[in-house]
Amino acid sequence: MKITNFLQKCIGISLVAATLLFGSAALVGTITPAKADNPTVINATGKIMMDQNTIVKDGKLYYHALVWDTETGKSKIYIFNNSTMSFDPTTYQLSSSPIY
């Protein structure tokens, strides 16, 4: 009697495990990958891109943003001015073709 009861419990556990495994596989199989929109903006002058960098030095926040046109290579670097709460062009800028 005890062996039969043990075997029945093992079969029951196996069925539950198989059901969970099959259900999980079916769920994972239905998941589709996320597709993000193209982050570039196209306007009359070309594709505009932006990169940003934020650091804290000596308790002060420094926020730089580099904006450039991918077709012409022209760019501008901005720094956040904490006193006026605005972005101002920096005194240092990249050349029109910094890589070439």
N, C-alpha and C. Protein backbone atom coordinates (compact mmCIF):
# COMPACT_ATOMS: atom_id res chain seq x y z
N MET A 1 0.81 -1.19 0.00
CA MET A 1 0.00 0.00 0.00
C MET A 1 0.86 1.26 0.00
N LYS A 2 1.91 1.25 0.81
CA LYS A 2 2.73 2.46 0.93
C LYS A 2 3.45 2.75 -0.38
N ILE A 3 3.91 1.73 -1.07
CA ILE A 3 4.63 1.94 -2.33
C ILE A 3 3.67 2.51 -3.39
N THR A 4 2.46 2.02 -3.43
CA THR A 4 1.47 2.50 -4.40
C THR A 4 1.15 3.97 -4.13
N ASN A 5 0.98 4.33 -2.87
CA ASN A 5 0.69 5.72 -2.50
C ASN A 5 1.85 6.63 -2.88
N PHE A 6 3.09 6.16 -2.66
CA PHE A 6 4.28 6.94 -3.01
C PHE A 6 4.36 7.15 -4.52
N LEU A 7 4.10 6.09 -5.29
CA LEU A 7 4.14 6.20 -6.75
C LEU A 7 3.07 7.15 -7.27
N GLN A 8 1.90 7.12 -6.69
CA GLN A 8 0.84 8.03 -7.10
C GLN A 8 1.23 9.48 -6.84
N LYS A 9 1.85 9.74 -5.71
CA LYS A 9 2.30 11.10 -5.41
C LYS A 9 3.40 11.55 -6.37
N CYS A 10 4.32 10.66 -6.71
CA CYS A 10 5.39 11.00 -7.66
C CYS A 10 4.82 11.31 -9.03
N ILE A 11 3.85 10.52 -9.46
CA ILE A 11 3.22 10.78 -10.75
C ILE A 11 2.48 12.11 -10.72
N GLY A 12 1.81 12.40 -9.64
CA GLY A 12 1.10 13.68 -9.50
C GLY A 12 2.05 14.86 -9.55
N ILE A 13 3.16 14.75 -8.85
CA ILE A 13 4.17 15.82 -8.85
C ILE A 13 4.76 15.98 -10.25
N SER A 14 5.03 14.88 -10.93
CA SER A 14 5.57 14.93 -12.28
C SER A 14 4.61 15.61 -13.24
N LEU A 15 3.32 15.33 -13.10
CA LEU A 15 2.33 15.97 -13.96
C LEU A 15 2.25 17.47 -13.72
N VAL A 16 2.32 17.87 -12.45
CA VAL A 16 2.30 19.30 -12.12
C VAL A 16 3.54 19.98 -12.69
N ALA A 17 4.71 19.36 -12.53
CA ALA A 17 5.95 19.94 -13.03
C ALA A 17 5.92 20.04 -14.55
N ALA A 18 5.42 19.01 -15.22
CA ALA A 18 5.34 19.04 -16.68
C ALA A 18 4.37 20.12 -17.15
N THR A 19 3.27 20.30 -16.43
CA THR A 19 2.29 21.33 -16.79
C THR A 19 2.90 22.72 -16.63
N LEU A 20 3.61 22.95 -15.53
CA LEU A 20 4.26 24.24 -15.31
C LEU A 20 5.33 24.50 -16.37
N LEU A 21 6.10 23.50 -16.70
CA LEU A 21 7.15 23.66 -17.70
C LEU A 21 6.55 23.96 -19.07
N PHE A 22 5.53 23.22 -19.46
CA PHE A 22 4.88 23.46 -20.75
C PHE A 22 4.22 24.84 -20.79
N GLY A 23 3.56 25.23 -19.70
CA GLY A 23 2.92 26.54 -19.63
C GLY A 23 3.92 27.67 -19.72
N SER A 24 5.06 27.52 -19.04
CA SER A 24 6.10 28.54 -19.10
C SER A 24 6.68 28.65 -20.50
N ALA A 25 6.91 27.51 -21.14
CA ALA A 25 7.45 27.53 -22.50
C ALA A 25 6.47 28.18 -23.46
N ALA A 26 5.18 27.90 -23.28
CA ALA A 26 4.17 28.50 -24.15
C ALA A 26 4.11 30.00 -23.94
N LEU A 27 4.23 30.45 -22.69
CA LEU A 27 4.20 31.88 -22.40
C LEU A 27 5.40 32.58 -23.00
N VAL A 28 6.59 32.03 -22.83
CA VAL A 28 7.81 32.63 -23.37
C VAL A 28 7.74 32.67 -24.89
N GLY A 29 7.15 31.66 -25.49
CA GLY A 29 7.05 31.61 -26.95
C GLY A 29 6.15 32.69 -27.52
N THR A 30 5.24 33.23 -26.73
CA THR A 30 4.32 34.26 -27.23
C THR A 30 4.84 35.67 -27.06
N ILE A 31 5.95 35.84 -26.36
CA ILE A 31 6.50 37.18 -26.11
C ILE A 31 7.19 37.67 -27.38
N THR A 32 6.85 38.88 -27.81
CA THR A 32 7.50 39.47 -28.98
C THR A 32 8.51 40.52 -28.51
N PRO A 33 9.62 40.68 -29.24
CA PRO A 33 10.62 41.66 -28.82
C PRO A 33 10.10 43.08 -28.99
N ALA A 34 10.57 43.96 -28.12
CA ALA A 34 10.18 45.37 -28.19
C ALA A 34 10.91 46.04 -29.35
N LYS A 35 10.22 46.94 -30.02
CA LYS A 35 10.82 47.68 -31.13
C LYS A 35 10.69 49.16 -30.83
N ALA A 36 11.84 49.82 -30.69
CA ALA A 36 11.84 51.26 -30.39
C ALA A 36 11.77 52.06 -31.69
N ASP A 37 11.23 53.24 -31.59
CA ASP A 37 11.18 54.14 -32.74
C ASP A 37 12.58 54.66 -33.03
N ASN A 38 12.79 55.11 -34.24
CA ASN A 38 14.06 55.70 -34.63
C ASN A 38 14.27 57.00 -33.86
N PRO A 39 15.34 57.12 -33.05
CA PRO A 39 15.51 58.32 -32.21
C PRO A 39 15.96 59.57 -32.96
N THR A 40 16.36 59.45 -34.22
CA THR A 40 16.82 60.63 -34.94
C THR A 40 15.63 61.43 -35.46
N VAL A 41 15.81 62.72 -35.56
CA VAL A 41 14.77 63.61 -36.07
C VAL A 41 15.26 64.17 -37.40
N ILE A 42 14.44 64.06 -38.42
CA ILE A 42 14.81 64.56 -39.73
C ILE A 42 14.10 65.90 -39.94
N ASN A 43 14.87 66.93 -40.24
CA ASN A 43 14.29 68.25 -40.53
C ASN A 43 14.85 68.75 -41.85
N ALA A 44 14.63 70.00 -42.16
CA ALA A 44 15.02 70.55 -43.46
C ALA A 44 16.54 70.57 -43.64
N THR A 45 17.32 70.64 -42.56
CA THR A 45 18.76 70.73 -42.70
C THR A 45 19.47 69.39 -42.51
N GLY A 46 18.79 68.35 -42.11
CA GLY A 46 19.43 67.04 -41.96
C GLY A 46 19.04 66.35 -40.68
N LYS A 47 19.80 65.32 -40.39
CA LYS A 47 19.53 64.53 -39.20
C LYS A 47 20.27 65.15 -38.01
N ILE A 48 19.54 65.42 -36.96
CA ILE A 48 20.11 66.04 -35.77
C ILE A 48 20.25 64.98 -34.68
N MET A 49 21.42 64.91 -34.09
CA MET A 49 21.69 63.95 -33.02
C MET A 49 22.12 64.73 -31.77
N MET A 50 22.00 64.07 -30.60
CA MET A 50 22.37 64.71 -29.36
C MET A 50 22.96 63.68 -28.41
N ASP A 51 23.97 64.08 -27.67
CA ASP A 51 24.55 63.25 -26.62
C ASP A 51 24.73 64.13 -25.39
N GLN A 52 24.58 63.55 -24.22
CA GLN A 52 24.67 64.35 -23.00
C GLN A 52 25.59 63.68 -21.99
N ASN A 53 26.11 64.48 -21.10
CA ASN A 53 27.01 63.99 -20.05
C ASN A 53 26.75 64.82 -18.79
N THR A 54 26.54 64.15 -17.69
CA THR A 54 26.30 64.84 -16.42
C THR A 54 27.30 64.33 -15.40
N ILE A 55 27.97 65.24 -14.73
CA ILE A 55 28.90 64.86 -13.67
C ILE A 55 28.69 65.78 -12.47
N VAL A 56 29.08 65.29 -11.31
CA VAL A 56 29.08 66.10 -10.09
C VAL A 56 30.52 66.21 -9.63
N LYS A 57 30.99 67.44 -9.50
CA LYS A 57 32.36 67.69 -9.07
C LYS A 57 32.34 68.75 -7.99
N ASP A 58 32.94 68.46 -6.88
CA ASP A 58 32.99 69.37 -5.73
C ASP A 58 31.60 69.83 -5.31
N GLY A 59 30.63 68.92 -5.40
CA GLY A 59 29.27 69.23 -4.99
C GLY A 59 28.47 70.04 -5.99
N LYS A 60 29.04 70.31 -7.17
CA LYS A 60 28.34 71.07 -8.20
C LYS A 60 27.99 70.16 -9.37
N LEU A 61 26.81 70.37 -9.95
CA LEU A 61 26.34 69.59 -11.08
C LEU A 61 26.79 70.25 -12.38
N TYR A 62 27.42 69.48 -13.24
CA TYR A 62 27.84 69.96 -14.56
C TYR A 62 27.14 69.10 -15.61
N TYR A 63 26.40 69.75 -16.48
CA TYR A 63 25.62 69.06 -17.50
C TYR A 63 26.01 69.61 -18.87
N HIS A 64 26.59 68.76 -19.71
CA HIS A 64 26.99 69.14 -21.05
C HIS A 64 26.11 68.41 -22.06
N ALA A 65 25.78 69.08 -23.15
CA ALA A 65 25.03 68.47 -24.25
C ALA A 65 25.74 68.79 -25.56
N LEU A 66 25.97 67.77 -26.37
CA LEU A 66 26.56 67.94 -27.68
C LEU A 66 25.47 67.67 -28.71
N VAL A 67 25.22 68.64 -29.58
CA VAL A 67 24.20 68.52 -30.62
C VAL A 67 24.91 68.68 -31.96
N TRP A 68 24.62 67.76 -32.91
CA TRP A 68 25.28 67.86 -34.20
C TRP A 68 24.39 67.41 -35.34
N ASP A 69 24.73 67.92 -36.52
CA ASP A 69 24.04 67.57 -37.76
C ASP A 69 24.87 66.49 -38.43
N THR A 70 24.29 65.32 -38.66
CA THR A 70 25.05 64.20 -39.20
C THR A 70 25.41 64.39 -40.67
N GLU A 71 24.71 65.25 -41.36
CA GLU A 71 25.01 65.45 -42.78
C GLU A 71 26.12 66.49 -43.00
N THR A 72 26.13 67.54 -42.21
CA THR A 72 27.13 68.60 -42.40
C THR A 72 28.31 68.47 -41.45
N GLY A 73 28.13 67.80 -40.32
CA GLY A 73 29.19 67.67 -39.33
C GLY A 73 29.27 68.84 -38.37
N LYS A 74 28.44 69.85 -38.56
CA LYS A 74 28.45 71.00 -37.65
C LYS A 74 27.88 70.59 -36.31
N SER A 75 28.49 71.13 -35.25
CA SER A 75 28.05 70.76 -33.91
C SER A 75 28.13 71.97 -32.97
N LYS A 76 27.49 71.81 -31.83
CA LYS A 76 27.55 72.84 -30.80
C LYS A 76 27.49 72.13 -29.45
N ILE A 77 28.34 72.58 -28.51
CA ILE A 77 28.35 72.03 -27.16
C ILE A 77 27.72 73.06 -26.23
N TYR A 78 26.78 72.60 -25.43
CA TYR A 78 26.09 73.46 -24.47
C TYR A 78 26.37 72.98 -23.06
N ILE A 79 26.39 73.92 -22.12
CA ILE A 79 26.53 73.60 -20.71
C ILE A 79 25.36 74.24 -19.98
N PHE A 80 24.86 73.53 -18.97
CA PHE A 80 23.73 74.06 -18.21
C PHE A 80 24.23 75.09 -17.21
N ASN A 81 23.65 76.28 -17.26
CA ASN A 81 24.01 77.36 -16.36
C ASN A 81 23.04 77.32 -15.17
N ASN A 82 23.55 76.97 -13.99
CA ASN A 82 22.70 76.84 -12.81
C ASN A 82 22.10 78.17 -12.35
N SER A 83 22.81 79.26 -12.56
CA SER A 83 22.31 80.56 -12.08
C SER A 83 21.15 81.07 -12.93
N THR A 84 21.20 80.85 -14.25
CA THR A 84 20.12 81.32 -15.12
C THR A 84 19.14 80.20 -15.49
N MET A 85 19.47 78.96 -15.10
CA MET A 85 18.64 77.78 -15.40
C MET A 85 18.41 77.66 -16.90
N SER A 86 19.48 77.81 -17.69
CA SER A 86 19.37 77.71 -19.14
C SER A 86 20.63 77.04 -19.69
N PHE A 87 20.55 76.62 -20.95
CA PHE A 87 21.71 76.05 -21.64
C PHE A 87 22.41 77.15 -22.41
N ASP A 88 23.70 77.27 -22.20
CA ASP A 88 24.50 78.28 -22.89
C ASP A 88 25.59 77.57 -23.70
N PRO A 89 25.92 78.08 -24.90
CA PRO A 89 27.04 77.50 -25.65
C PRO A 89 28.34 77.66 -24.86
N THR A 90 29.18 76.64 -24.90
CA THR A 90 30.45 76.72 -24.18
C THR A 90 31.45 77.55 -24.97
N THR A 91 32.51 77.96 -24.31
CA THR A 91 33.56 78.71 -24.99
C THR A 91 34.40 77.78 -25.86
N TYR A 92 34.38 76.50 -25.58
CA TYR A 92 35.11 75.52 -26.39
C TYR A 92 34.09 74.78 -27.27
N GLN A 93 34.42 74.67 -28.57
CA GLN A 93 33.57 74.00 -29.54
C GLN A 93 34.43 73.07 -30.41
N LEU A 94 33.82 72.08 -31.00
CA LEU A 94 34.51 71.19 -31.92
C LEU A 94 34.64 71.87 -33.28
N SER A 95 35.66 71.45 -34.03
CA SER A 95 35.77 71.93 -35.41
C SER A 95 34.67 71.29 -36.24
N SER A 96 34.44 71.79 -37.47
CA SER A 96 33.35 71.27 -38.29
C SER A 96 33.59 69.81 -38.71
N SER A 97 34.83 69.37 -38.76
CA SER A 97 35.17 67.97 -39.07
C SER A 97 36.21 67.48 -38.06
N PRO A 98 35.80 67.18 -36.82
CA PRO A 98 36.77 66.85 -35.77
C PRO A 98 37.51 65.53 -35.98
N ILE A 99 36.96 64.63 -36.77
CA ILE A 99 37.60 63.32 -36.96
C ILE A 99 38.55 63.32 -38.13
N TYR A 100 38.29 64.12 -39.15
CA TYR A 100 39.09 64.09 -40.39
C TYR A 100 40.08 65.20 -40.44
